Amino acid sequence: MFIAALVGAFLAFTLSASAGLGGSLVLIPILVLFLGAKQGVALAALLLAANNIAKVIVYRQSIPWRAAAVVIVLTMAGAWLGAILLIAVDEIWVQLAVAATIAMTFIAERATWTQLQRLAAPVLALLAGTASGFSGTSGPLKGVALRNLRLSRQYLVGAASAVSLAGDVTKTMVFLHASLLSTEMFWLFAAAVPLMPLATLLGKRINRRMGERAYTGLFWTVMAGYTVRLLGT
């Protein structure tokens, strides 16, 4: 279990650094399988928060702080609310709403509805944080919120790193206060920390070697993965 969790963490960190998101898509199912739902989500938040520190350092010159500021603040607010409420509504409605939002953003991008996308980003950021708080996964909504800012691939990954760090730190503080993280889980966290800079540098290397079209394909592949996971639960 320990080795499998570390392998999953390394893959999650690499995907997150290359696409800007997707870490929770890989990490949460593995941790939930071994630890249970609440503890798995809590440990994933801690791991992803620490990993996002590495991502922010590596992508520090590609973080559009001004463009992403509203998304960061609203994501933190949503993450706090979602972590407190956990599952406050019927999960099926959240899953359907997320899937519909991804589809609408894909259509808007293809149709170049630029103004609509910019207006949608703050709303999606708040929803992303809330969804992340009670399900552990903000990836699809966070991804489309940032995509709606119309950033190039390196700036999108940089913005995603900053937004993810803010949201995951907020969730982790709530989960620590609720004593959801055990001593054994901190041993796994300690073992995963050395993997974070290696995976982040590998992910950045992958990102730099991709063209915009390849990155767009990777981004929407991750979005499709989130959608399949949501509708399959």
C-alpha atoms as a PDB file:
ATOM      1  CA  MET A   1       0.000   0.000   0.000  1.00  0.00           C
ATOM      2  CA  PHE A   2       2.783   2.417   0.958  1.00  0.00           C
ATOM      3  CA  ILE A   3       4.721   1.907  -2.305  1.00  0.00           C
ATOM      4  CA  ALA A   4       1.567   2.035  -4.442  1.00  0.00           C
ATOM      5  CA  ALA A   5       0.563   5.313  -2.806  1.00  0.00           C
ATOM      6  CA  LEU A   6       4.001   6.826  -3.481  1.00  0.00           C
ATOM      7  CA  VAL A   7       3.942   5.732  -7.134  1.00  0.00           C
ATOM      8  CA  GLY A   8       0.471   7.227  -7.498  1.00  0.00           C
ATOM      9  CA  ALA A   9       1.662  10.437  -5.848  1.00  0.00           C
ATOM     10  CA  PHE A  10       4.609  10.768  -8.250  1.00  0.00           C
ATOM     11  CA  LEU A  11       2.343  10.277 -11.276  1.00  0.00           C
ATOM     12  CA  ALA A  12      -0.144  12.783  -9.854  1.00  0.00           C
ATOM     13  CA  PHE A  13       2.555  15.388  -9.219  1.00  0.00           C
ATOM     14  CA  THR A  14       3.985  14.967 -12.746  1.00  0.00           C
ATOM     15  CA  LEU A  15       0.597  15.284 -14.434  1.00  0.00           C
ATOM     16  CA  SER A  16      -0.245  18.307 -12.304  1.00  0.00           C
ATOM     17  CA  ALA A  17       3.003  20.063 -13.254  1.00  0.00           C
ATOM     18  CA  SER A  18       2.626  19.369 -16.973  1.00  0.00           C
ATOM     19  CA  ALA A  19      -1.097  20.126 -17.392  1.00  0.00           C
ATOM     20  CA  GLY A  20      -1.563  22.490 -14.439  1.00  0.00           C
ATOM     21  CA  LEU A  21      -4.118  20.184 -12.883  1.00  0.00           C
ATOM     22  CA  GLY A  22      -5.084  16.524 -12.759  1.00  0.00           C
ATOM     23  CA  GLY A  23      -3.243  15.590  -9.594  1.00  0.00           C
ATOM     24  CA  SER A  24      -6.405  14.840  -7.674  1.00  0.00           C
ATOM     25  CA  LEU A  25      -7.702  12.758 -10.603  1.00  0.00           C
ATOM     26  CA  VAL A  26      -4.890  10.276  -9.989  1.00  0.00           C
ATOM     27  CA  LEU A  27      -4.189  10.714  -6.285  1.00  0.00           C
ATOM     28  CA  ILE A  28      -7.600  10.767  -4.637  1.00  0.00           C
ATOM     29  CA  PRO A  29      -8.902   7.398  -5.933  1.00  0.00           C
ATOM     30  CA  ILE A  30      -5.703   5.701  -4.721  1.00  0.00           C
ATOM     31  CA  LEU A  31      -5.781   7.281  -1.263  1.00  0.00           C
ATOM     32  CA  VAL A  32      -9.528   6.759  -0.848  1.00  0.00           C
ATOM     33  CA  LEU A  33      -9.055   3.084  -1.748  1.00  0.00           C
ATOM     34  CA  PHE A  34      -6.438   2.601   0.971  1.00  0.00           C
ATOM     35  CA  LEU A  35      -7.559   5.084   3.632  1.00  0.00           C
ATOM     36  CA  GLY A  36     -11.284   5.651   3.145  1.00  0.00           C
ATOM     37  CA  ALA A  37     -13.099   8.682   1.795  1.00  0.00           C
ATOM     38  CA  LYS A  38     -12.552  11.364   4.439  1.00  0.00           C
ATOM     39  CA  GLN A  39      -8.971  10.439   5.319  1.00  0.00           C
ATOM     40  CA  GLY A  40      -8.086   9.997   1.635  1.00  0.00           C
ATOM     41  CA  VAL A  41      -9.403  13.438   0.714  1.00  0.00           C
ATOM     42  CA  ALA A  42      -7.666  15.001   3.732  1.00  0.00           C
ATOM     43  CA  LEU A  43      -4.262  13.443   2.963  1.00  0.00           C
ATOM     44  CA  ALA A  44      -4.610  14.340  -0.735  1.00  0.00           C
ATOM     45  CA  ALA A  45      -5.202  17.966   0.246  1.00  0.00           C
ATOM     46  CA  LEU A  46      -2.020  17.985   2.345  1.00  0.00           C
ATOM     47  CA  LEU A  47       0.078  16.291  -0.363  1.00  0.00           C
ATOM     48  CA  LEU A  48      -1.222  18.503  -3.149  1.00  0.00           C
ATOM     49  CA  ALA A  49      -0.759  21.637  -1.044  1.00  0.00           C
ATOM     50  CA  ALA A  50       2.912  20.788  -0.460  1.00  0.00           C
ATOM     51  CA  ASN A  51       3.387  19.830  -4.103  1.00  0.00           C
ATOM     52  CA  ASN A  52       1.894  23.130  -5.204  1.00  0.00           C
ATOM     53  CA  ILE A  53       4.610  24.940  -3.245  1.00  0.00           C
ATOM     54  CA  ALA A  54       7.131  23.242  -5.533  1.00  0.00           C
ATOM     55  CA  LYS A  55       5.032  24.153  -8.583  1.00  0.00           C
ATOM     56  CA  VAL A  56       4.748  27.803  -7.541  1.00  0.00           C
ATOM     57  CA  ILE A  57       8.538  27.986  -7.105  1.00  0.00           C
ATOM     58  CA  VAL A  58       9.250  26.371 -10.471  1.00  0.00           C
ATOM     59  CA  TYR A  59       6.597  28.394 -12.323  1.00  0.00           C
ATOM     60  CA  ARG A  60       7.112  31.611 -10.331  1.00  0.00           C
ATOM     61  CA  GLN A  61       7.959  33.616 -13.460  1.00  0.00           C
ATOM     62  CA  SER A  62       4.828  32.373 -15.235  1.00  0.00           C
ATOM     63  CA  ILE A  63       2.201  33.185 -12.597  1.00  0.00           C
ATOM     64  CA  PRO A  64      -0.194  35.941 -13.733  1.00  0.00           C
ATOM     65  CA  TRP A  65      -1.029  37.156 -10.220  1.00  0.00           C
ATOM     66  CA  ARG A  66      -3.233  40.021 -11.360  1.00  0.00           C
ATOM     67  CA  ALA A  67      -5.272  37.929 -13.800  1.00  0.00           C
ATOM     68  CA  ALA A  68      -5.674  35.060 -11.321  1.00  0.00           C
ATOM     69  CA  ALA A  69      -6.251  37.119  -8.139  1.00  0.00           C
ATOM     70  CA  VAL A  70     -10.047  36.911  -8.182  1.00  0.00           C
ATOM     71  CA  VAL A  71      -9.930  33.187  -8.950  1.00  0.00           C
ATOM     72  CA  ILE A  72      -7.502  32.618  -6.041  1.00  0.00           C
ATOM     73  CA  VAL A  73      -9.615  34.518  -3.496  1.00  0.00           C
ATOM     74  CA  LEU A  74     -12.896  32.915  -4.543  1.00  0.00           C
ATOM     75  CA  THR A  75     -11.338  29.452  -4.663  1.00  0.00           C
ATOM     76  CA  MET A  76     -10.139  29.874  -1.070  1.00  0.00           C
ATOM     77  CA  ALA A  77     -13.592  31.024   0.035  1.00  0.00           C
ATOM     78  CA  GLY A  78     -15.234  28.104  -1.713  1.00  0.00           C
ATOM     79  CA  ALA A  79     -12.713  25.587  -0.353  1.00  0.00           C
ATOM     80  CA  TRP A  80     -13.342  26.745   3.196  1.00  0.00           C
ATOM     81  CA  LEU A  81     -17.100  26.522   2.727  1.00  0.00           C
ATOM     82  CA  GLY A  82     -16.935  23.119   1.032  1.00  0.00           C
ATOM     83  CA  ALA A  83     -14.604  21.651   3.653  1.00  0.00           C
ATOM     84  CA  ILE A  84     -16.923  22.813   6.422  1.00  0.00           C
ATOM     85  CA  LEU A  85     -20.061  21.518   4.759  1.00  0.00           C
ATOM     86  CA  LEU A  86     -18.438  18.374   3.333  1.00  0.00           C
ATOM     87  CA  ILE A  87     -21.336  16.977   1.330  1.00  0.00           C
ATOM     88  CA  ALA A  88     -24.114  19.517   1.842  1.00  0.00           C
ATOM     89  CA  VAL A  89     -26.089  18.680  -1.275  1.00  0.00           C
ATOM     90  CA  ASP A  90     -26.926  15.549  -3.189  1.00  0.00           C
ATOM     91  CA  GLU A  91     -23.687  14.649  -4.969  1.00  0.00           C
ATOM     92  CA  ILE A  92     -25.397  13.667  -8.223  1.00  0.00           C
ATOM     93  CA  TRP A  93     -26.390  17.285  -8.846  1.00  0.00           C
ATOM     94  CA  VAL A  94     -22.813  18.436  -8.329  1.00  0.00           C
ATOM     95  CA  GLN A  95     -21.560  15.784 -10.751  1.00  0.00           C
ATOM     96  CA  LEU A  96     -24.074  16.765 -13.433  1.00  0.00           C
ATOM     97  CA  ALA A  97     -23.336  20.479 -12.980  1.00  0.00           C
ATOM     98  CA  VAL A  98     -19.588  19.930 -13.303  1.00  0.00           C
ATOM     99  CA  ALA A  99     -20.014  17.814 -16.439  1.00  0.00           C
ATOM    100  CA  ALA A 100     -22.322  20.441 -17.985  1.00  0.00           C
ATOM    101  CA  THR A 101     -19.872  23.237 -17.147  1.00  0.00           C
ATOM    102  CA  ILE A 102     -16.992  21.418 -18.831  1.00  0.00           C
ATOM    103  CA  ALA A 103     -19.099  20.879 -21.949  1.00  0.00           C
ATOM    104  CA  MET A 104     -20.199  24.535 -22.033  1.00  0.00           C
ATOM    105  CA  THR A 105     -16.627  25.795 -21.637  1.00  0.00           C
ATOM    106  CA  PHE A 106     -15.425  23.533 -24.446  1.00  0.00           C
ATOM    107  CA  ILE A 107     -18.181  24.883 -26.707  1.00  0.00           C
ATOM    108  CA  ALA A 108     -17.437  28.480 -25.698  1.00  0.00           C
ATOM    109  CA  GLU A 109     -13.739  28.044 -26.441  1.00  0.00           C
ATOM    110  CA  ARG A 110     -14.436  26.579 -29.868  1.00  0.00           C
ATOM    111  CA  ALA A 111     -16.844  29.446 -30.606  1.00  0.00           C
ATOM    112  CA  THR A 112     -14.423  32.061 -29.151  1.00  0.00           C
ATOM    113  CA  TRP A 113     -17.005  33.564 -26.775  1.00  0.00           C
ATOM    114  CA  THR A 114     -14.245  35.540 -25.053  1.00  0.00           C
ATOM    115  CA  GLN A 115     -16.359  37.952 -22.995  1.00  0.00           C
ATOM    116  CA  LEU A 116     -18.640  35.177 -21.710  1.00  0.00           C
ATOM    117  CA  GLN A 117     -15.617  33.148 -20.653  1.00  0.00           C
ATOM    118  CA  ARG A 118     -14.101  36.040 -18.684  1.00  0.00           C
ATOM    119  CA  LEU A 119     -17.367  36.636 -16.836  1.00  0.00           C
ATOM    120  CA  ALA A 120     -17.704  32.935 -16.036  1.00  0.00           C
ATOM    121  CA  ALA A 121     -14.263  32.550 -14.411  1.00  0.00           C
ATOM    122  CA  PRO A 122     -15.084  34.062 -10.952  1.00  0.00           C
ATOM    123  CA  VAL A 123     -18.299  32.049 -10.612  1.00  0.00           C
ATOM    124  CA  LEU A 124     -16.532  28.842 -11.604  1.00  0.00           C
ATOM    125  CA  ALA A 125     -13.716  29.583  -9.141  1.00  0.00           C
ATOM    126  CA  LEU A 126     -16.133  29.810  -6.217  1.00  0.00           C
ATOM    127  CA  LEU A 127     -17.852  26.598  -7.294  1.00  0.00           C
ATOM    128  CA  ALA A 128     -14.487  24.909  -7.820  1.00  0.00           C
ATOM    129  CA  GLY A 129     -13.362  25.656  -4.287  1.00  0.00           C
ATOM    130  CA  THR A 130     -16.653  24.468  -2.833  1.00  0.00           C
ATOM    131  CA  ALA A 131     -16.600  21.242  -4.851  1.00  0.00           C
ATOM    132  CA  SER A 132     -13.000  20.664  -3.820  1.00  0.00           C
ATOM    133  CA  GLY A 133     -13.855  21.108  -0.157  1.00  0.00           C
ATOM    134  CA  PHE A 134     -16.368  18.292   0.013  1.00  0.00           C
ATOM    135  CA  SER A 135     -15.166  15.962  -2.748  1.00  0.00           C
ATOM    136  CA  GLY A 136     -11.428  16.646  -2.831  1.00  0.00           C
ATOM    137  CA  THR A 137     -11.590  17.436  -6.543  1.00  0.00           C
ATOM    138  CA  SER A 138     -11.663  20.968  -7.880  1.00  0.00           C
ATOM    139  CA  GLY A 139      -9.838  20.093 -11.070  1.00  0.00           C
ATOM    140  CA  PRO A 140     -12.645  20.299 -13.635  1.00  0.00           C
ATOM    141  CA  LEU A 141     -14.156  23.559 -12.405  1.00  0.00           C
ATOM    142  CA  LYS A 142     -10.796  25.084 -11.541  1.00  0.00           C
ATOM    143  CA  GLY A 143      -9.525  24.074 -14.944  1.00  0.00           C
ATOM    144  CA  VAL A 144     -12.370  25.656 -16.868  1.00  0.00           C
ATOM    145  CA  ALA A 145     -12.277  28.761 -14.649  1.00  0.00           C
ATOM    146  CA  LEU A 146      -8.622  29.310 -15.543  1.00  0.00           C
ATOM    147  CA  ARG A 147      -9.146  28.304 -19.159  1.00  0.00           C
ATOM    148  CA  ASN A 148     -11.761  31.039 -19.325  1.00  0.00           C
ATOM    149  CA  LEU A 149      -9.011  33.590 -18.568  1.00  0.00           C
ATOM    150  CA  ARG A 150      -7.542  32.776 -22.003  1.00  0.00           C
ATOM    151  CA  LEU A 151      -3.964  32.249 -20.788  1.00  0.00           C
ATOM    152  CA  SER A 152      -1.148  30.561 -22.725  1.00  0.00           C
ATOM    153  CA  ARG A 153      -0.119  27.120 -21.496  1.00  0.00           C
ATOM    154  CA  GLN A 154       2.787  28.118 -19.196  1.00  0.00           C
ATOM    155  CA  TYR A 155       0.812  30.979 -17.656  1.00  0.00           C
ATOM    156  CA  LEU A 156      -2.192  28.701 -17.227  1.00  0.00           C
ATOM    157  CA  VAL A 157      -0.073  26.132 -15.387  1.00  0.00           C
ATOM    158  CA  GLY A 158       1.443  28.905 -13.268  1.00  0.00           C
ATOM    159  CA  ALA A 159      -1.977  30.290 -12.418  1.00  0.00           C
ATOM    160  CA  ALA A 160      -3.294  26.807 -11.648  1.00  0.00           C
ATOM    161  CA  SER A 161      -0.367  26.229  -9.286  1.00  0.00           C
ATOM    162  CA  ALA A 162      -1.140  29.389  -7.310  1.00  0.00           C
ATOM    163  CA  VAL A 163      -4.889  28.718  -7.228  1.00  0.00           C
ATOM    164  CA  SER A 164      -4.394  25.091  -6.196  1.00  0.00           C
ATOM    165  CA  LEU A 165      -1.966  26.066  -3.434  1.00  0.00           C
ATOM    166  CA  ALA A 166      -4.455  28.532  -1.975  1.00  0.00           C
ATOM    167  CA  GLY A 167      -7.347  26.084  -2.097  1.00  0.00           C
ATOM    168  CA  ASP A 168      -5.432  23.081  -0.772  1.00  0.00           C
ATOM    169  CA  VAL A 169      -3.897  25.026   2.117  1.00  0.00           C
ATOM    170  CA  THR A 170      -7.369  26.267   3.090  1.00  0.00           C
ATOM    171  CA  LYS A 171      -8.783  22.734   3.050  1.00  0.00           C
ATOM    172  CA  THR A 172      -5.813  21.301   4.929  1.00  0.00           C
ATOM    173  CA  MET A 173      -6.240  23.810   7.758  1.00  0.00           C
ATOM    174  CA  VAL A 174      -9.883  22.766   8.154  1.00  0.00           C
ATOM    175  CA  PHE A 175      -9.011  19.050   8.038  1.00  0.00           C
ATOM    176  CA  LEU A 176      -6.210  19.483  10.585  1.00  0.00           C
ATOM    177  CA  HIS A 177      -8.607  21.252  12.909  1.00  0.00           C
ATOM    178  CA  ALA A 178     -11.011  18.307  12.529  1.00  0.00           C
ATOM    179  CA  SER A 179      -8.177  15.824  13.324  1.00  0.00           C
ATOM    180  CA  LEU A 180      -8.627  13.881  10.071  1.00  0.00           C
ATOM    181  CA  LEU A 181      -4.872  13.404   9.595  1.00  0.00           C
ATOM    182  CA  SER A 182      -3.252  10.620  11.640  1.00  0.00           C
ATOM    183  CA  THR A 183       0.417  10.059  12.505  1.00  0.00           C
ATOM    184  CA  GLU A 184       0.695   7.223   9.944  1.00  0.00           C
ATOM    185  CA  MET A 185      -0.538   9.570   7.232  1.00  0.00           C
ATOM    186  CA  PHE A 186       2.206  12.059   8.073  1.00  0.00           C
ATOM    187  CA  TRP A 187       4.808   9.300   7.481  1.00  0.00           C
ATOM    188  CA  LEU A 188       3.441   8.847   3.973  1.00  0.00           C
ATOM    189  CA  PHE A 189       3.523  12.604   3.480  1.00  0.00           C
ATOM    190  CA  ALA A 190       7.175  12.749   4.586  1.00  0.00           C
ATOM    191  CA  ALA A 191       8.113   9.990   2.133  1.00  0.00           C
ATOM    192  CA  ALA A 192       6.344  11.788  -0.729  1.00  0.00           C
ATOM    193  CA  VAL A 193       8.005  15.191  -0.180  1.00  0.00           C
ATOM    194  CA  PRO A 194      11.311  14.284  -1.956  1.00  0.00           C
ATOM    195  CA  LEU A 195       9.309  13.229  -5.017  1.00  0.00           C
ATOM    196  CA  MET A 196       7.687  16.646  -5.415  1.00  0.00           C
ATOM    197  CA  PRO A 197      10.581  18.668  -6.925  1.00  0.00           C
ATOM    198  CA  LEU A 198      11.549  15.770  -9.212  1.00  0.00           C
ATOM    199  CA  ALA A 199       8.005  15.351 -10.519  1.00  0.00           C
ATOM    200  CA  THR A 200       7.522  19.103 -10.867  1.00  0.00           C
ATOM    201  CA  LEU A 201      10.694  19.566 -12.921  1.00  0.00           C
ATOM    202  CA  LEU A 202       9.734  16.589 -15.093  1.00  0.00           C
ATOM    203  CA  GLY A 203       6.253  18.024 -15.592  1.00  0.00           C
ATOM    204  CA  LYS A 204       7.622  21.449 -16.524  1.00  0.00           C
ATOM    205  CA  ARG A 205       9.967  19.810 -19.030  1.00  0.00           C
ATOM    206  CA  ILE A 206       6.992  18.032 -20.610  1.00  0.00           C
ATOM    207  CA  ASN A 207       5.001  21.278 -20.668  1.00  0.00           C
ATOM    208  CA  ARG A 208       7.802  23.234 -22.377  1.00  0.00           C
ATOM    209  CA  ARG A 209       8.220  20.608 -25.080  1.00  0.00           C
ATOM    210  CA  MET A 210       4.536  20.703 -26.000  1.00  0.00           C
ATOM    211  CA  GLY A 211       3.043  23.126 -28.483  1.00  0.00           C
ATOM    212  CA  GLU A 212      -0.190  24.970 -27.774  1.00  0.00           C
ATOM    213  CA  ARG A 213      -2.214  22.394 -29.715  1.00  0.00           C
ATOM    214  CA  ALA A 214      -0.652  19.490 -27.815  1.00  0.00           C
ATOM    215  CA  TYR A 215      -1.265  21.251 -24.508  1.00  0.00           C
ATOM    216  CA  THR A 216      -4.892  21.940 -25.443  1.00  0.00           C
ATOM    217  CA  GLY A 217      -5.286  18.241 -26.187  1.00  0.00           C
ATOM    218  CA  LEU A 218      -3.725  17.284 -22.842  1.00  0.00           C
ATOM    219  CA  PHE A 219      -5.895  19.801 -20.985  1.00  0.00           C
ATOM    220  CA  TRP A 220      -9.146  18.521 -22.450  1.00  0.00           C
ATOM    221  CA  THR A 221      -8.046  14.909 -21.991  1.00  0.00           C
ATOM    222  CA  VAL A 222      -7.698  15.609 -18.269  1.00  0.00           C
ATOM    223  CA  MET A 223     -11.089  17.348 -18.330  1.00  0.00           C
ATOM    224  CA  ALA A 224     -12.603  14.284 -20.017  1.00  0.00           C
ATOM    225  CA  GLY A 225     -11.039  12.093 -17.343  1.00  0.00           C
ATOM    226  CA  TYR A 226     -12.630  14.190 -14.622  1.00  0.00           C
ATOM    227  CA  THR A 227     -15.999  13.984 -16.372  1.00  0.00           C
ATOM    228  CA  VAL A 228     -15.859  10.202 -16.750  1.00  0.00           C
ATOM    229  CA  ARG A 229     -14.866   9.837 -13.108  1.00  0.00           C
ATOM    230  CA  LEU A 230     -17.678  12.119 -11.933  1.00  0.00           C
ATOM    231  CA  LEU A 231     -20.374  10.441 -14.006  1.00  0.00           C
ATOM    232  CA  GLY A 232     -19.079   6.992 -13.165  1.00  0.00           C
ATOM    233  CA  THR A 233     -19.460   7.432  -9.386  1.00  0.00           C
END
